[in-house]
PDB file of N, CA and C in Angstrom:
ATOM      1  N   MET A   1     -25.861  45.308  -4.302  1.00  0.00           N
ATOM      2  CA  MET A   1     -25.807  45.686  -2.936  1.00  0.00           C
ATOM      3  C   MET A   1     -24.584  46.431  -2.772  1.00  0.00           C
ATOM      4  N   GLN A   2     -24.538  47.417  -1.968  1.00  0.00           N
ATOM      5  CA  GLN A   2     -23.412  48.211  -1.553  1.00  0.00           C
ATOM      6  C   GLN A   2     -23.063  48.107  -0.077  1.00  0.00           C
ATOM      7  N   GLN A   3     -21.988  48.359   0.350  1.00  0.00           N
ATOM      8  CA  GLN A   3     -21.526  48.486   1.748  1.00  0.00           C
ATOM      9  C   GLN A   3     -21.640  47.129   2.370  1.00  0.00           C
ATOM     10  N   SER A   4     -21.305  46.058   1.677  1.00  0.00           N
ATOM     11  CA  SER A   4     -21.380  44.754   2.232  1.00  0.00           C
ATOM     12  C   SER A   4     -20.047  44.359   2.954  1.00  0.00           C
ATOM     13  N   TRP A   5     -20.204  43.406   3.870  1.00  0.00           N
ATOM     14  CA  TRP A   5     -18.978  42.986   4.695  1.00  0.00           C
ATOM     15  C   TRP A   5     -18.201  42.158   3.765  1.00  0.00           C
ATOM     16  N   ARG A   6     -16.964  42.015   4.122  1.00  0.00           N
ATOM     17  CA  ARG A   6     -16.014  41.115   3.431  1.00  0.00           C
ATOM     18  C   ARG A   6     -16.310  39.673   3.795  1.00  0.00           C
ATOM     19  N   ARG A   7     -16.613  38.895   2.915  1.00  0.00           N
ATOM     20  CA  ARG A   7     -16.992  37.488   3.091  1.00  0.00           C
ATOM     21  C   ARG A   7     -16.706  36.636   1.948  1.00  0.00           C
ATOM     22  N   LYS A   8     -16.125  35.525   2.001  1.00  0.00           N
ATOM     23  CA  LYS A   8     -15.865  34.685   0.979  1.00  0.00           C
ATOM     24  C   LYS A   8     -17.035  33.918   0.406  1.00  0.00           C
ATOM     25  N   SER A   9     -17.133  33.763  -0.860  1.00  0.00           N
ATOM     26  CA  SER A   9     -18.205  33.083  -1.362  1.00  0.00           C
ATOM     27  C   SER A   9     -18.007  31.656  -1.505  1.00  0.00           C
ATOM     28  N   PRO A  10     -19.075  30.770  -1.077  1.00  0.00           N
ATOM     29  CA  PRO A  10     -18.863  29.297  -1.134  1.00  0.00           C
ATOM     30  C   PRO A  10     -18.719  28.753  -2.521  1.00  0.00           C
ATOM     31  N   HIS A  11     -19.143  29.595  -3.511  1.00  0.00           N
ATOM     32  CA  HIS A  11     -19.229  29.213  -4.900  1.00  0.00           C
ATOM     33  C   HIS A  11     -17.923  29.642  -5.551  1.00  0.00           C
ATOM     34  N   LYS A  12     -17.236  30.645  -5.137  1.00  0.00           N
ATOM     35  CA  LYS A  12     -16.111  31.216  -5.641  1.00  0.00           C
ATOM     36  C   LYS A  12     -15.021  31.578  -4.559  1.00  0.00           C
ATOM     37  N   PRO A  13     -14.372  30.392  -4.024  1.00  0.00           N
ATOM     38  CA  PRO A  13     -13.484  30.523  -2.872  1.00  0.00           C
ATOM     39  C   PRO A  13     -12.524  31.660  -2.931  1.00  0.00           C
ATOM     40  N   SER A  14     -11.942  31.909  -4.180  1.00  0.00           N
ATOM     41  CA  SER A  14     -10.909  32.898  -4.268  1.00  0.00           C
ATOM     42  C   SER A  14     -11.434  34.425  -4.405  1.00  0.00           C
ATOM     43  N   PHE A  15     -12.712  34.521  -4.384  1.00  0.00           N
ATOM     44  CA  PHE A  15     -13.304  35.726  -4.515  1.00  0.00           C
ATOM     45  C   PHE A  15     -13.623  36.494  -3.252  1.00  0.00           C
ATOM     46  N   ARG A  16     -13.231  37.720  -3.193  1.00  0.00           N
ATOM     47  CA  ARG A  16     -13.504  38.455  -1.973  1.00  0.00           C
ATOM     48  C   ARG A  16     -13.818  40.047  -2.454  1.00  0.00           C
ATOM     49  N   LEU A  17     -14.923  40.487  -1.840  1.00  0.00           N
ATOM     50  CA  LEU A  17     -15.384  41.856  -2.150  1.00  0.00           C
ATOM     51  C   LEU A  17     -15.858  42.408  -0.913  1.00  0.00           C
ATOM     52  N   GLY A  18     -15.626  43.709  -0.779  1.00  0.00           N
ATOM     53  CA  GLY A  18     -15.965  44.407   0.441  1.00  0.00           C
ATOM     54  C   GLY A  18     -16.933  45.469   0.429  1.00  0.00           C
ATOM     55  N   ARG A  19     -16.992  46.283  -0.672  1.00  0.00           N
ATOM     56  CA  ARG A  19     -17.897  47.377  -0.716  1.00  0.00           C
ATOM     57  C   ARG A  19     -19.106  47.211  -1.579  1.00  0.00           C
ATOM     58  N   VAL A  20     -19.021  46.331  -2.523  1.00  0.00           N
ATOM     59  CA  VAL A  20     -20.252  46.028  -3.425  1.00  0.00           C
ATOM     60  C   VAL A  20     -20.338  44.593  -3.484  1.00  0.00           C
ATOM     61  N   ALA A  21     -21.521  44.007  -3.826  1.00  0.00           N
ATOM     62  CA  ALA A  21     -21.695  42.616  -3.822  1.00  0.00           C
ATOM     63  C   ALA A  21     -22.831  42.215  -4.798  1.00  0.00           C
ATOM     64  N   PHE A  22     -22.874  41.088  -5.241  1.00  0.00           N
ATOM     65  CA  PHE A  22     -23.844  40.583  -6.177  1.00  0.00           C
ATOM     66  C   PHE A  22     -24.550  39.366  -5.470  1.00  0.00           C
ATOM     67  N   PHE A  23     -25.822  39.251  -5.704  1.00  0.00           N
ATOM     68  CA  PHE A  23     -26.409  37.863  -5.261  1.00  0.00           C
ATOM     69  C   PHE A  23     -26.759  37.192  -6.530  1.00  0.00           C
ATOM     70  N   VAL A  24     -26.278  36.066  -6.720  1.00  0.00           N
ATOM     71  CA  VAL A  24     -26.374  35.137  -7.903  1.00  0.00           C
ATOM     72  C   VAL A  24     -27.205  34.026  -7.491  1.00  0.00           C
ATOM     73  N   ASN A  25     -28.195  33.743  -8.186  1.00  0.00           N
ATOM     74  CA  ASN A  25     -29.081  32.600  -7.915  1.00  0.00           C
ATOM     75  C   ASN A  25     -28.320  31.287  -7.923  1.00  0.00           C
ATOM     76  N   LYS A  26     -28.446  30.376  -7.032  1.00  0.00           N
ATOM     77  CA  LYS A  26     -27.734  29.210  -7.081  1.00  0.00           C
ATOM     78  C   LYS A  26     -28.087  28.205  -8.217  1.00  0.00           C
ATOM     79  N   THR A  27     -29.091  28.460  -8.847  1.00  0.00           N
ATOM     80  CA  THR A  27     -29.483  27.707 -10.076  1.00  0.00           C
ATOM     81  C   THR A  27     -28.651  28.089 -11.310  1.00  0.00           C
ATOM     82  N   ILE A  28     -27.946  29.179 -11.330  1.00  0.00           N
ATOM     83  CA  ILE A  28     -27.063  29.630 -12.290  1.00  0.00           C
ATOM     84  C   ILE A  28     -25.613  28.901 -12.119  1.00  0.00           C
ATOM     85  N   PRO A  29     -25.251  28.044 -13.037  1.00  0.00           N
ATOM     86  CA  PRO A  29     -24.040  27.403 -12.858  1.00  0.00           C
ATOM     87  C   PRO A  29     -22.806  28.362 -12.611  1.00  0.00           C
ATOM     88  N   ASP A  30     -21.849  27.971 -11.904  1.00  0.00           N
ATOM     89  CA  ASP A  30     -20.691  28.703 -11.542  1.00  0.00           C
ATOM     90  C   ASP A  30     -19.890  29.068 -12.833  1.00  0.00           C
ATOM     91  N   ASN A  31     -19.928  28.207 -13.753  1.00  0.00           N
ATOM     92  CA  ASN A  31     -19.083  28.437 -15.016  1.00  0.00           C
ATOM     93  C   ASN A  31     -19.904  29.347 -15.906  1.00  0.00           C
ATOM     94  N   GLU A  32     -20.953  30.007 -15.619  1.00  0.00           N
ATOM     95  CA  GLU A  32     -21.733  30.835 -16.434  1.00  0.00           C
ATOM     96  C   GLU A  32     -21.623  32.337 -15.943  1.00  0.00           C
ATOM     97  N   TRP A  33     -20.945  32.514 -14.868  1.00  0.00           N
ATOM     98  CA  TRP A  33     -20.726  33.945 -14.342  1.00  0.00           C
ATOM     99  C   TRP A  33     -19.322  34.133 -13.623  1.00  0.00           C
ATOM    100  N   ALA A  34     -18.969  35.351 -13.582  1.00  0.00           N
ATOM    101  CA  ALA A  34     -17.669  35.563 -12.898  1.00  0.00           C
ATOM    102  C   ALA A  34     -17.804  37.032 -12.630  1.00  0.00           C
ATOM    103  N   VAL A  35     -17.004  37.418 -11.558  1.00  0.00           N
ATOM    104  CA  VAL A  35     -16.993  38.803 -11.036  1.00  0.00           C
ATOM    105  C   VAL A  35     -15.572  39.298 -11.238  1.00  0.00           C
ATOM    106  N   ASP A  36     -15.428  40.468 -11.863  1.00  0.00           N
ATOM    107  CA  ASP A  36     -14.099  41.187 -11.991  1.00  0.00           C
ATOM    108  C   ASP A  36     -14.015  42.349 -11.088  1.00  0.00           C
ATOM    109  N   VAL A  37     -12.870  42.507 -10.564  1.00  0.00           N
ATOM    110  CA  VAL A  37     -12.685  43.876  -9.733  1.00  0.00           C
ATOM    111  C   VAL A  37     -11.288  44.421 -10.087  1.00  0.00           C
ATOM    112  N   ASN A  38     -11.171  45.620 -10.022  1.00  0.00           N
ATOM    113  CA  ASN A  38      -9.922  46.400 -10.282  1.00  0.00           C
ATOM    114  C   ASN A  38      -9.311  46.789  -8.844  1.00  0.00           C
ATOM    115  N   PRO A  39      -8.280  46.275  -8.546  1.00  0.00           N
ATOM    116  CA  PRO A  39      -7.671  46.594  -7.231  1.00  0.00           C
ATOM    117  C   PRO A  39      -7.584  48.128  -6.962  1.00  0.00           C
ATOM    118  N   GLU A  40      -7.339  48.911  -8.074  1.00  0.00           N
ATOM    119  CA  GLU A  40      -7.195  50.315  -7.938  1.00  0.00           C
ATOM    120  C   GLU A  40      -8.391  50.937  -7.562  1.00  0.00           C
ATOM    121  N   GLU A  41      -9.553  50.369  -7.684  1.00  0.00           N
ATOM    122  CA  GLU A  41     -10.840  50.980  -7.248  1.00  0.00           C
ATOM    123  C   GLU A  41     -11.310  50.513  -5.855  1.00  0.00           C
ATOM    124  N   GLN A  42     -10.255  49.987  -5.055  1.00  0.00           N
ATOM    125  CA  GLN A  42     -10.503  49.597  -3.770  1.00  0.00           C
ATOM    126  C   GLN A  42     -11.849  48.952  -3.327  1.00  0.00           C
ATOM    127  N   ASP A  43     -12.276  47.922  -4.064  1.00  0.00           N
ATOM    128  CA  ASP A  43     -13.475  47.232  -3.770  1.00  0.00           C
ATOM    129  C   ASP A  43     -14.693  48.075  -3.974  1.00  0.00           C
ATOM    130  N   LEU A  44     -14.677  49.294  -4.659  1.00  0.00           N
ATOM    131  CA  LEU A  44     -15.788  50.149  -4.842  1.00  0.00           C
ATOM    132  C   LEU A  44     -16.469  49.861  -6.152  1.00  0.00           C
ATOM    133  N   VAL A  45     -15.945  49.155  -7.045  1.00  0.00           N
ATOM    134  CA  VAL A  45     -16.542  48.789  -8.309  1.00  0.00           C
ATOM    135  C   VAL A  45     -16.375  47.329  -8.612  1.00  0.00           C
ATOM    136  N   ALA A  46     -17.323  46.709  -9.021  1.00  0.00           N
ATOM    137  CA  ALA A  46     -17.214  45.267  -9.455  1.00  0.00           C
ATOM    138  C   ALA A  46     -18.093  45.113 -10.778  1.00  0.00           C
ATOM    139  N   CYS A  47     -17.723  44.119 -11.527  1.00  0.00           N
ATOM    140  CA  CYS A  47     -18.460  43.748 -12.746  1.00  0.00           C
ATOM    141  C   CYS A  47     -18.902  42.349 -12.752  1.00  0.00           C
ATOM    142  N   LEU A  48     -20.058  41.938 -12.811  1.00  0.00           N
ATOM    143  CA  LEU A  48     -20.642  40.775 -12.910  1.00  0.00           C
ATOM    144  C   LEU A  48     -20.808  40.303 -14.411  1.00  0.00           C
ATOM    145  N   ARG A  49     -20.002  39.400 -14.873  1.00  0.00           N
ATOM    146  CA  ARG A  49     -20.138  38.990 -16.217  1.00  0.00           C
ATOM    147  C   ARG A  49     -21.018  37.658 -16.163  1.00  0.00           C
ATOM    148  N   ILE A  50     -22.023  37.583 -16.971  1.00  0.00           N
ATOM    149  CA  ILE A  50     -23.043  36.534 -16.840  1.00  0.00           C
ATOM    150  C   ILE A  50     -23.560  36.126 -18.184  1.00  0.00           C
ATOM    151  N   LYS A  51     -23.644  34.842 -18.535  1.00  0.00           N
ATOM    152  CA  LYS A  51     -24.213  34.403 -19.703  1.00  0.00           C
ATOM    153  C   LYS A  51     -25.836  34.386 -19.573  1.00  0.00           C
ATOM    154  N   SER A  52     -26.478  34.813 -20.606  1.00  0.00           N
ATOM    155  CA  SER A  52     -27.922  34.736 -20.500  1.00  0.00           C
ATOM    156  C   SER A  52     -28.397  34.238 -21.956  1.00  0.00           C
ATOM    157  N   SER A  53     -29.711  33.831 -22.015  1.00  0.00           N
ATOM    158  CA  SER A  53     -30.280  33.398 -23.245  1.00  0.00           C
ATOM    159  C   SER A  53     -30.097  34.533 -24.394  1.00  0.00           C
ATOM    160  N   ALA A  54     -30.057  35.765 -23.921  1.00  0.00           N
ATOM    161  CA  ALA A  54     -29.861  36.894 -24.892  1.00  0.00           C
ATOM    162  C   ALA A  54     -28.409  37.187 -25.215  1.00  0.00           C
ATOM    163  N   GLY A  55     -27.454  36.531 -24.616  1.00  0.00           N
ATOM    164  CA  GLY A  55     -26.130  36.730 -24.840  1.00  0.00           C
ATOM    165  C   GLY A  55     -25.333  37.123 -23.424  1.00  0.00           C
ATOM    166  N   HIS A  56     -24.306  37.636 -23.565  1.00  0.00           N
ATOM    167  CA  HIS A  56     -23.428  38.071 -22.407  1.00  0.00           C
ATOM    168  C   HIS A  56     -23.935  39.356 -21.790  1.00  0.00           C
ATOM    169  N   LEU A  57     -24.013  39.541 -20.574  1.00  0.00           N
ATOM    170  CA  LEU A  57     -24.345  40.743 -19.823  1.00  0.00           C
ATOM    171  C   LEU A  57     -23.185  41.094 -18.938  1.00  0.00           C
ATOM    172  N   ARG A  58     -22.910  42.448 -18.785  1.00  0.00           N
ATOM    173  CA  ARG A  58     -21.943  42.862 -17.716  1.00  0.00           C
ATOM    174  C   ARG A  58     -22.812  43.855 -16.832  1.00  0.00           C
ATOM    175  N   ILE A  59     -22.883  43.515 -15.664  1.00  0.00           N
ATOM    176  CA  ILE A  59     -23.578  44.357 -14.649  1.00  0.00           C
ATOM    177  C   ILE A  59     -22.497  44.938 -13.763  1.00  0.00           C
ATOM    178  N   HIS A  60     -22.482  46.358 -13.671  1.00  0.00           N
ATOM    179  CA  HIS A  60     -21.356  46.976 -13.020  1.00  0.00           C
ATOM    180  C   HIS A  60     -22.104  47.624 -11.743  1.00  0.00           C
ATOM    181  N   ASN A  61     -21.514  47.263 -10.547  1.00  0.00           N
ATOM    182  CA  ASN A  61     -22.019  47.710  -9.365  1.00  0.00           C
ATOM    183  C   ASN A  61     -20.948  48.746  -8.730  1.00  0.00           C
ATOM    184  N   VAL A  62     -21.480  49.813  -8.310  1.00  0.00           N
ATOM    185  CA  VAL A  62     -20.512  50.961  -7.903  1.00  0.00           C
ATOM    186  C   VAL A  62     -21.055  51.447  -6.609  1.00  0.00           C
ATOM    187  N   HIS A  63     -19.988  51.712  -5.705  1.00  0.00           N
ATOM    188  CA  HIS A  63     -20.165  52.427  -4.446  1.00  0.00           C
ATOM    189  C   HIS A  63     -19.200  53.551  -4.306  1.00  0.00           C
ATOM    190  N   ASN A  64     -19.592  54.785  -4.765  1.00  0.00           N
ATOM    191  CA  ASN A  64     -18.655  55.841  -4.859  1.00  0.00           C
ATOM    192  C   ASN A  64     -18.641  56.734  -3.618  1.00  0.00           C
ATOM    193  N   ARG A  65     -18.414  55.977  -2.534  1.00  0.00           N
ATOM    194  CA  ARG A  65     -18.556  56.448  -1.111  1.00  0.00           C
ATOM    195  C   ARG A  65     -17.939  57.783  -0.930  1.00  0.00           C
ATOM    196  N   LEU A  66     -16.624  57.838  -1.245  1.00  0.00           N
ATOM    197  CA  LEU A  66     -15.886  59.091  -1.043  1.00  0.00           C
ATOM    198  C   LEU A  66     -15.573  59.758  -2.333  1.00  0.00           C
ATOM    199  N   GLN A  67     -16.326  59.538  -3.357  1.00  0.00           N
ATOM    200  CA  GLN A  67     -16.185  60.031  -4.575  1.00  0.00           C
ATOM    201  C   GLN A  67     -14.752  59.948  -5.204  1.00  0.00           C
ATOM    202  N   TRP A  68     -14.246  58.715  -5.079  1.00  0.00           N
ATOM    203  CA  TRP A  68     -12.810  58.304  -5.526  1.00  0.00           C
ATOM    204  C   TRP A  68     -12.887  57.907  -6.961  1.00  0.00           C
ATOM    205  N   ILE A  69     -14.086  57.366  -7.339  1.00  0.00           N
ATOM    206  CA  ILE A  69     -14.248  56.679  -8.645  1.00  0.00           C
ATOM    207  C   ILE A  69     -14.311  57.814  -9.846  1.00  0.00           C
ATOM    208  N   ASP A  70     -13.561  57.534 -10.855  1.00  0.00           N
ATOM    209  CA  ASP A  70     -13.525  58.427 -12.027  1.00  0.00           C
ATOM    210  C   ASP A  70     -14.738  58.054 -12.902  1.00  0.00           C
ATOM    211  N   ILE A  71     -15.797  58.882 -12.563  1.00  0.00           N
ATOM    212  CA  ILE A  71     -17.155  58.516 -13.243  1.00  0.00           C
ATOM    213  C   ILE A  71     -17.072  58.672 -14.774  1.00  0.00           C
ATOM    214  N   GLU A  72     -16.366  59.629 -15.316  1.00  0.00           N
ATOM    215  CA  GLU A  72     -16.281  59.774 -16.753  1.00  0.00           C
ATOM    216  C   GLU A  72     -15.457  58.581 -17.373  1.00  0.00           C
ATOM    217  N   ARG A  73     -14.570  58.028 -16.722  1.00  0.00           N
ATOM    218  CA  ARG A  73     -13.899  56.839 -17.259  1.00  0.00           C
ATOM    219  C   ARG A  73     -14.809  55.692 -17.095  1.00  0.00           C
ATOM    220  N   LEU A  74     -15.584  55.466 -16.084  1.00  0.00           N
ATOM    221  CA  LEU A  74     -16.498  54.429 -15.861  1.00  0.00           C
ATOM    222  C   LEU A  74     -17.578  54.495 -16.958  1.00  0.00           C
ATOM    223  N   VAL A  75     -18.106  55.724 -17.170  1.00  0.00           N
ATOM    224  CA  VAL A  75     -19.080  55.826 -18.281  1.00  0.00           C
ATOM    225  C   VAL A  75     -18.555  55.360 -19.592  1.00  0.00           C
ATOM    226  N   LYS A  76     -17.230  55.722 -20.030  1.00  0.00           N
ATOM    227  CA  LYS A  76     -16.753  55.416 -21.229  1.00  0.00           C
ATOM    228  C   LYS A  76     -16.515  53.861 -21.352  1.00  0.00           C
ATOM    229  N   THR A  77     -16.147  53.201 -20.248  1.00  0.00           N
ATOM    230  CA  THR A  77     -15.808  51.672 -20.312  1.00  0.00           C
ATOM    231  C   THR A  77     -17.018  50.882 -20.110  1.00  0.00           C
ATOM    232  N   CYS A  78     -18.097  51.457 -19.669  1.00  0.00           N
ATOM    233  CA  CYS A  78     -19.203  50.591 -19.287  1.00  0.00           C
ATOM    234  C   CYS A  78     -20.527  51.055 -19.912  1.00  0.00           C
ATOM    235  N   SER A  79     -20.415  51.498 -21.262  1.00  0.00           N
ATOM    236  CA  SER A  79     -21.649  52.008 -21.903  1.00  0.00           C
ATOM    237  C   SER A  79     -21.975  51.343 -23.257  1.00  0.00           C
ATOM    238  N   GLY A  80     -21.665  50.037 -23.308  1.00  0.00           N
ATOM    239  CA  GLY A  80     -21.965  49.116 -24.268  1.00  0.00           C
ATOM    240  C   GLY A  80     -23.377  48.674 -24.284  1.00  0.00           C
ATOM    241  N   PRO A  81     -23.874  48.043 -25.243  1.00  0.00           N
ATOM    242  CA  PRO A  81     -25.336  47.558 -25.300  1.00  0.00           C
ATOM    243  C   PRO A  81     -25.529  46.386 -24.326  1.00  0.00           C
ATOM    244  N   SER A  82     -24.415  45.765 -23.852  1.00  0.00           N
ATOM    245  CA  SER A  82     -24.617  44.623 -22.911  1.00  0.00           C
ATOM    246  C   SER A  82     -24.275  45.071 -21.480  1.00  0.00           C
ATOM    247  N   ASP A  83     -24.083  46.391 -21.207  1.00  0.00           N
ATOM    248  CA  ASP A  83     -23.731  46.858 -19.851  1.00  0.00           C
ATOM    249  C   ASP A  83     -24.965  47.437 -19.222  1.00  0.00           C
ATOM    250  N   ILE A  84     -24.926  47.083 -17.909  1.00  0.00           N
ATOM    251  CA  ILE A  84     -25.970  47.707 -16.972  1.00  0.00           C
ATOM    252  C   ILE A  84     -25.083  48.273 -15.834  1.00  0.00           C
ATOM    253  N   VAL A  85     -25.344  49.625 -15.501  1.00  0.00           N
ATOM    254  CA  VAL A  85     -24.496  50.190 -14.457  1.00  0.00           C
ATOM    255  C   VAL A  85     -25.586  50.569 -13.381  1.00  0.00           C
ATOM    256  N   LEU A  86     -25.196  50.222 -12.076  1.00  0.00           N
ATOM    257  CA  LEU A  86     -26.026  50.588 -10.997  1.00  0.00           C
ATOM    258  C   LEU A  86     -25.261  50.923  -9.846  1.00  0.00           C
ATOM    259  N   GLY A  87     -25.844  51.433  -8.809  1.00  0.00           N
ATOM    260  CA  GLY A  87     -25.133  51.647  -7.562  1.00  0.00           C
ATOM    261  C   GLY A  87     -25.369  52.960  -6.814  1.00  0.00           C
ATOM    262  N   ASP A  88     -24.544  53.202  -5.862  1.00  0.00           N
ATOM    263  CA  ASP A  88     -24.654  54.534  -5.084  1.00  0.00           C
ATOM    264  C   ASP A  88     -23.476  55.290  -5.599  1.00  0.00           C
ATOM    265  N   PHE A  89     -23.723  56.270  -6.392  1.00  0.00           N
ATOM    266  CA  PHE A  89     -22.700  57.157  -7.005  1.00  0.00           C
ATOM    267  C   PHE A  89     -22.419  58.387  -6.198  1.00  0.00           C
ATOM    268  N   ASN A  90     -23.222  58.662  -5.220  1.00  0.00           N
ATOM    269  CA  ASN A  90     -23.052  59.885  -4.510  1.00  0.00           C
ATOM    270  C   ASN A  90     -22.931  61.164  -5.406  1.00  0.00           C
ATOM    271  N   SER A  91     -23.664  61.225  -6.391  1.00  0.00           N
ATOM    272  CA  SER A  91     -23.709  62.207  -7.423  1.00  0.00           C
ATOM    273  C   SER A  91     -25.023  62.952  -7.352  1.00  0.00           C
ATOM    274  N   HIS A  92     -25.050  64.122  -7.848  1.00  0.00           N
ATOM    275  CA  HIS A  92     -26.257  65.039  -7.743  1.00  0.00           C
ATOM    276  C   HIS A  92     -26.655  65.549  -9.184  1.00  0.00           C
ATOM    277  N   HIS A  93     -27.898  65.414  -9.529  1.00  0.00           N
ATOM    278  CA  HIS A  93     -28.369  65.912 -10.784  1.00  0.00           C
ATOM    279  C   HIS A  93     -29.877  66.061 -10.648  1.00  0.00           C
ATOM    280  N   PRO A  94     -30.481  67.029 -11.293  1.00  0.00           N
ATOM    281  CA  PRO A  94     -31.944  67.288 -11.307  1.00  0.00           C
ATOM    282  C   PRO A  94     -32.636  66.102 -11.899  1.00  0.00           C
ATOM    283  N   LEU A  95     -32.047  65.328 -12.805  1.00  0.00           N
ATOM    284  CA  LEU A  95     -32.770  64.103 -13.284  1.00  0.00           C
ATOM    285  C   LEU A  95     -33.172  63.210 -12.328  1.00  0.00           C
ATOM    286  N   TRP A  96     -32.408  62.857 -11.256  1.00  0.00           N
ATOM    287  CA  TRP A  96     -32.838  61.989 -10.217  1.00  0.00           C
ATOM    288  C   TRP A  96     -33.003  62.700  -8.889  1.00  0.00           C
ATOM    289  N   GLY A  97     -32.646  63.990  -8.760  1.00  0.00           N
ATOM    290  CA  GLY A  97     -32.972  64.694  -7.518  1.00  0.00           C
ATOM    291  C   GLY A  97     -34.045  65.608  -7.565  1.00  0.00           C
ATOM    292  N   GLY A  98     -34.593  65.952  -8.733  1.00  0.00           N
ATOM    293  CA  GLY A  98     -35.611  66.914  -8.886  1.00  0.00           C
ATOM    294  C   GLY A  98     -35.007  68.253  -8.841  1.00  0.00           C
ATOM    295  N   HIS A  99     -35.808  69.271  -9.328  1.00  0.00           N
ATOM    296  CA  HIS A  99     -35.345  70.553  -9.474  1.00  0.00           C
ATOM    297  C   HIS A  99     -35.185  71.364  -8.051  1.00  0.00           C
ATOM    298  N   ASN A 100     -35.818  70.801  -6.998  1.00  0.00           N
ATOM    299  CA  ASN A 100     -35.797  71.417  -5.707  1.00  0.00           C
ATOM    300  C   ASN A 100     -34.714  70.767  -4.814  1.00  0.00           C
ATOM    301  N   MET A 101     -33.825  70.028  -5.378  1.00  0.00           N
ATOM    302  CA  MET A 101     -32.871  69.292  -4.595  1.00  0.00           C
ATOM    303  C   MET A 101     -31.882  70.321  -3.958  1.00  0.00           C
ATOM    304  N   ARG A 102     -31.394  70.076  -2.768  1.00  0.00           N
ATOM    305  CA  ARG A 102     -30.560  70.952  -2.025  1.00  0.00           C
ATOM    306  C   ARG A 102     -29.084  70.925  -2.516  1.00  0.00           C
ATOM    307  N   GLN A 103     -28.693  69.853  -3.045  1.00  0.00           N
ATOM    308  CA  GLN A 103     -27.236  69.743  -3.536  1.00  0.00           C
ATOM    309  C   GLN A 103     -27.272  70.303  -4.945  1.00  0.00           C
ATOM    310  N   GLN A 104     -26.134  70.879  -5.294  1.00  0.00           N
ATOM    311  CA  GLN A 104     -25.858  71.382  -6.650  1.00  0.00           C
ATOM    312  C   GLN A 104     -25.511  70.165  -7.568  1.00  0.00           C
ATOM    313  N   THR A 105     -25.835  70.368  -8.854  1.00  0.00           N
ATOM    314  CA  THR A 105     -25.261  69.262  -9.828  1.00  0.00           C
ATOM    315  C   THR A 105     -23.738  69.241  -9.674  1.00  0.00           C
ATOM    316  N   ASP A 106     -23.198  68.087  -9.622  1.00  0.00           N
ATOM    317  CA  ASP A 106     -21.710  68.045  -9.549  1.00  0.00           C
ATOM    318  C   ASP A 106     -21.214  67.308 -10.880  1.00  0.00           C
ATOM    319  N   SER A 107     -19.924  67.286 -10.948  1.00  0.00           N
ATOM    320  CA  SER A 107     -19.391  66.733 -12.287  1.00  0.00           C
ATOM    321  C   SER A 107     -19.690  65.396 -12.520  1.00  0.00           C
ATOM    322  N   SER A 108     -19.722  64.508 -11.533  1.00  0.00           N
ATOM    323  CA  SER A 108     -20.023  63.015 -11.671  1.00  0.00           C
ATOM    324  C   SER A 108     -21.517  62.945 -12.050  1.00  0.00           C
ATOM    325  N   GLY A 109     -22.264  63.788 -11.483  1.00  0.00           N
ATOM    326  CA  GLY A 109     -23.731  63.811 -11.820  1.00  0.00           C
ATOM    327  C   GLY A 109     -23.939  64.054 -13.342  1.00  0.00           C
ATOM    328  N   LYS A 110     -23.220  65.122 -13.753  1.00  0.00           N
ATOM    329  CA  LYS A 110     -23.241  65.443 -15.235  1.00  0.00           C
ATOM    330  C   LYS A 110     -22.745  64.311 -16.080  1.00  0.00           C
ATOM    331  N   ALA A 111     -21.726  63.663 -15.745  1.00  0.00           N
ATOM    332  CA  ALA A 111     -21.211  62.482 -16.519  1.00  0.00           C
ATOM    333  C   ALA A 111     -22.177  61.421 -16.597  1.00  0.00           C
ATOM    334  N   LEU A 112     -22.803  61.108 -15.519  1.00  0.00           N
ATOM    335  CA  LEU A 112     -23.827  60.125 -15.454  1.00  0.00           C
ATOM    336  C   LEU A 112     -25.051  60.336 -16.328  1.00  0.00           C
ATOM    337  N   ALA A 113     -25.429  61.707 -16.266  1.00  0.00           N
ATOM    338  CA  ALA A 113     -26.616  62.146 -17.103  1.00  0.00           C
ATOM    339  C   ALA A 113     -26.485  62.156 -18.585  1.00  0.00           C
ATOM    340  N   LYS A 114     -25.246  62.142 -19.020  1.00  0.00           N
ATOM    341  CA  LYS A 114     -24.941  62.088 -20.560  1.00  0.00           C
ATOM    342  C   LYS A 114     -25.681  61.071 -21.228  1.00  0.00           C
TER     343      LYS A 114
END
């Protein structure tokens, strides 16, 4: 989820997030997941680290509202076999916009399409 309001989690009292959020099922024990944020990214990127029967997963949620996020750096750091990247990137590319899209392909769209 993107564009969430700042609200403390009853499960993680010290955790606060403003622009992206995760919904974690309450049946998943608190010690099996954690959320990492980088203060430099101004609550626009968060990573949910979660244990699963298949191993550890890292789910990265992005809201590139004003195109502040360095997409090329994000792609480099979040492209492992256990990484899932999702969100609102505010990027344009024919792969997801079609060939008749009004916006031109931008650099972040090219980086994501690689």
